[in-house]
Amino acid sequence: MRELSVQALKAARDAGTAADWQLIDVREPWEHALCALPGAVLMPMRGLPQRLRELDPARTTVVLCHHGVRSHQVAVWLERNGFKDVVNLRGGMDAWAREIEPEMAVY
């Protein structure tokens, strides 16, 4: 599993190279309500096994959470379940808010 910095994700999105990536937010709904990354699909960690069929294991899958811990666990799990290109967003939404969008809420 690879890790991606928030700066690298922003650069890929700005360049259009991330257009086909699956962005999966594994935080809880209350966290998502505070701040969210546009284009990321909310799939809380605990419910992901039931929603696995909604994801394409052949696409690049970027997993994010608050700080990158839960997303790392989910990324490992996805790899074990046949996903070929899984990426953990290092630092999660906290890093995104602090380094990319300082006007975004932090918690």
C-alpha atoms as a PDB file:
ATOM      1  CA  MET A   1       0.000   0.000   0.000  1.00  0.00           C
ATOM      2  CA  ARG A   2       1.205   3.441  -0.894  1.00  0.00           C
ATOM      3  CA  GLU A   3       0.818   6.630   1.085  1.00  0.00           C
ATOM      4  CA  LEU A   4       0.060   9.982  -0.459  1.00  0.00           C
ATOM      5  CA  SER A   5       0.575  13.410   1.047  1.00  0.00           C
ATOM      6  CA  VAL A   6      -2.231  15.932   0.947  1.00  0.00           C
ATOM      7  CA  GLN A   7      -0.060  18.116  -1.292  1.00  0.00           C
ATOM      8  CA  ALA A   8       0.353  15.268  -3.783  1.00  0.00           C
ATOM      9  CA  LEU A   9      -3.392  14.577  -3.760  1.00  0.00           C
ATOM     10  CA  LYS A  10      -4.156  18.236  -4.398  1.00  0.00           C
ATOM     11  CA  ALA A  11      -1.614  18.344  -7.233  1.00  0.00           C
ATOM     12  CA  ALA A  12      -3.115  15.208  -8.815  1.00  0.00           C
ATOM     13  CA  ARG A  13      -6.628  16.625  -8.532  1.00  0.00           C
ATOM     14  CA  ASP A  14      -5.541  19.985  -9.971  1.00  0.00           C
ATOM     15  CA  ALA A  15      -3.777  18.255 -12.872  1.00  0.00           C
ATOM     16  CA  GLY A  16      -6.740  15.980 -13.561  1.00  0.00           C
ATOM     17  CA  THR A  17      -4.730  12.814 -13.013  1.00  0.00           C
ATOM     18  CA  ALA A  18      -6.946  11.847 -10.052  1.00  0.00           C
ATOM     19  CA  ALA A  19     -10.176  12.050 -12.061  1.00  0.00           C
ATOM     20  CA  ASP A  20     -10.662   8.269 -12.109  1.00  0.00           C
ATOM     21  CA  TRP A  21      -9.580   7.629  -8.521  1.00  0.00           C
ATOM     22  CA  GLN A  22     -12.030   6.389  -5.919  1.00  0.00           C
ATOM     23  CA  LEU A  23     -11.840   8.615  -2.836  1.00  0.00           C
ATOM     24  CA  ILE A  24     -13.246   6.803   0.168  1.00  0.00           C
ATOM     25  CA  ASP A  25     -13.838   8.628   3.461  1.00  0.00           C
ATOM     26  CA  VAL A  26     -14.038   6.073   6.281  1.00  0.00           C
ATOM     27  CA  ARG A  27     -14.910   8.558   9.039  1.00  0.00           C
ATOM     28  CA  GLU A  28     -18.205   8.672  10.874  1.00  0.00           C
ATOM     29  CA  PRO A  29     -21.114  10.788   9.546  1.00  0.00           C
ATOM     30  CA  TRP A  30     -20.711  13.345  12.348  1.00  0.00           C
ATOM     31  CA  GLU A  31     -17.075  13.878  11.327  1.00  0.00           C
ATOM     32  CA  HIS A  32     -18.003  14.176   7.664  1.00  0.00           C
ATOM     33  CA  ALA A  33     -20.605  16.815   8.577  1.00  0.00           C
ATOM     34  CA  LEU A  34     -17.841  18.985  10.088  1.00  0.00           C
ATOM     35  CA  CYS A  35     -15.588  18.909   7.031  1.00  0.00           C
ATOM     36  CA  ALA A  36     -15.373  16.853   3.880  1.00  0.00           C
ATOM     37  CA  LEU A  37     -13.211  16.460   0.823  1.00  0.00           C
ATOM     38  CA  PRO A  38     -15.280  17.138  -2.323  1.00  0.00           C
ATOM     39  CA  GLY A  39     -15.699  14.001  -4.391  1.00  0.00           C
ATOM     40  CA  ALA A  40     -14.967  11.601  -1.534  1.00  0.00           C
ATOM     41  CA  VAL A  41     -17.629   8.986  -0.844  1.00  0.00           C
ATOM     42  CA  LEU A  42     -18.526   8.522   2.807  1.00  0.00           C
ATOM     43  CA  MET A  43     -18.231   4.852   3.763  1.00  0.00           C
ATOM     44  CA  PRO A  44     -17.744   4.598   7.531  1.00  0.00           C
ATOM     45  CA  MET A  45     -15.185   1.976   8.481  1.00  0.00           C
ATOM     46  CA  ARG A  46     -17.617  -0.231  10.386  1.00  0.00           C
ATOM     47  CA  GLY A  47     -20.007  -0.508   7.423  1.00  0.00           C
ATOM     48  CA  LEU A  48     -17.456  -0.936   4.665  1.00  0.00           C
ATOM     49  CA  PRO A  49     -17.653  -4.753   4.420  1.00  0.00           C
ATOM     50  CA  GLN A  50     -21.351  -4.493   3.541  1.00  0.00           C
ATOM     51  CA  ARG A  51     -20.633  -1.831   0.889  1.00  0.00           C
ATOM     52  CA  LEU A  52     -17.527  -3.377  -0.653  1.00  0.00           C
ATOM     53  CA  ARG A  53     -19.351  -4.226  -3.895  1.00  0.00           C
ATOM     54  CA  GLU A  54     -19.879  -0.506  -4.527  1.00  0.00           C
ATOM     55  CA  LEU A  55     -16.141  -0.149  -5.133  1.00  0.00           C
ATOM     56  CA  ASP A  56     -14.118  -1.164  -8.174  1.00  0.00           C
ATOM     57  CA  PRO A  57     -11.028  -3.154  -7.105  1.00  0.00           C
ATOM     58  CA  ALA A  58      -9.286  -2.302 -10.397  1.00  0.00           C
ATOM     59  CA  ARG A  59      -9.370   1.479  -9.828  1.00  0.00           C
ATOM     60  CA  THR A  60      -6.925   3.460  -7.729  1.00  0.00           C
ATOM     61  CA  THR A  61      -8.559   3.750  -4.315  1.00  0.00           C
ATOM     62  CA  VAL A  62      -7.536   6.570  -1.985  1.00  0.00           C
ATOM     63  CA  VAL A  63      -8.705   6.053   1.596  1.00  0.00           C
ATOM     64  CA  LEU A  64      -8.932   8.902   4.080  1.00  0.00           C
ATOM     65  CA  CYS A  65     -10.007   9.525   7.650  1.00  0.00           C
ATOM     66  CA  HIS A  66      -9.281  12.115  10.343  1.00  0.00           C
ATOM     67  CA  HIS A  67      -5.528  11.566  10.813  1.00  0.00           C
ATOM     68  CA  GLY A  68      -4.719   8.561   8.602  1.00  0.00           C
ATOM     69  CA  VAL A  69      -4.906   5.749  11.154  1.00  0.00           C
ATOM     70  CA  ARG A  70      -8.306   4.235  10.336  1.00  0.00           C
ATOM     71  CA  SER A  71      -7.702   4.767   6.633  1.00  0.00           C
ATOM     72  CA  HIS A  72      -4.421   2.844   6.905  1.00  0.00           C
ATOM     73  CA  GLN A  73      -6.258  -0.081   8.507  1.00  0.00           C
ATOM     74  CA  VAL A  74      -8.930   0.019   5.801  1.00  0.00           C
ATOM     75  CA  ALA A  75      -6.314   0.254   3.037  1.00  0.00           C
ATOM     76  CA  VAL A  76      -4.579  -2.885   4.317  1.00  0.00           C
ATOM     77  CA  TRP A  77      -7.958  -4.630   4.494  1.00  0.00           C
ATOM     78  CA  LEU A  78      -8.819  -3.588   0.931  1.00  0.00           C
ATOM     79  CA  GLU A  79      -5.527  -4.981  -0.341  1.00  0.00           C
ATOM     80  CA  ARG A  80      -6.269  -8.273   1.391  1.00  0.00           C
ATOM     81  CA  ASN A  81      -9.628  -8.259  -0.368  1.00  0.00           C
ATOM     82  CA  GLY A  82      -8.249  -7.988  -3.883  1.00  0.00           C
ATOM     83  CA  PHE A  83      -7.813  -4.263  -4.458  1.00  0.00           C
ATOM     84  CA  LYS A  84      -4.736  -3.696  -6.616  1.00  0.00           C
ATOM     85  CA  ASP A  85      -3.869  -0.021  -6.115  1.00  0.00           C
ATOM     86  CA  VAL A  86      -4.729   1.269  -2.646  1.00  0.00           C
ATOM     87  CA  VAL A  87      -3.429   4.547  -1.257  1.00  0.00           C
ATOM     88  CA  ASN A  88      -3.643   5.921   2.279  1.00  0.00           C
ATOM     89  CA  LEU A  89      -3.962   9.706   2.586  1.00  0.00           C
ATOM     90  CA  ARG A  90      -1.204  10.539   5.073  1.00  0.00           C
ATOM     91  CA  GLY A  91      -2.432  12.931   7.759  1.00  0.00           C
ATOM     92  CA  GLY A  92      -6.057  12.634   6.654  1.00  0.00           C
ATOM     93  CA  MET A  93      -8.587  15.432   6.756  1.00  0.00           C
ATOM     94  CA  ASP A  94      -6.689  17.160   9.533  1.00  0.00           C
ATOM     95  CA  ALA A  95      -3.647  17.599   7.271  1.00  0.00           C
ATOM     96  CA  TRP A  96      -5.864  18.630   4.355  1.00  0.00           C
ATOM     97  CA  ALA A  97      -7.543  21.332   6.431  1.00  0.00           C
ATOM     98  CA  ARG A  98      -4.322  22.618   7.943  1.00  0.00           C
ATOM     99  CA  GLU A  99      -2.152  22.509   4.803  1.00  0.00           C
ATOM    100  CA  ILE A 100      -4.491  22.823   1.814  1.00  0.00           C
ATOM    101  CA  GLU A 101      -7.722  24.487   2.967  1.00  0.00           C
ATOM    102  CA  PRO A 102      -7.029  26.485   6.134  1.00  0.00           C
ATOM    103  CA  GLU A 103     -10.603  27.814   6.120  1.00  0.00           C
ATOM    104  CA  MET A 104     -11.890  24.256   6.586  1.00  0.00           C
ATOM    105  CA  ALA A 105     -13.024  23.237  10.063  1.00  0.00           C
ATOM    106  CA  VAL A 106     -10.669  21.131  12.153  1.00  0.00           C
ATOM    107  CA  TYR A 107     -11.626  18.962  15.101  1.00  0.00           C
END
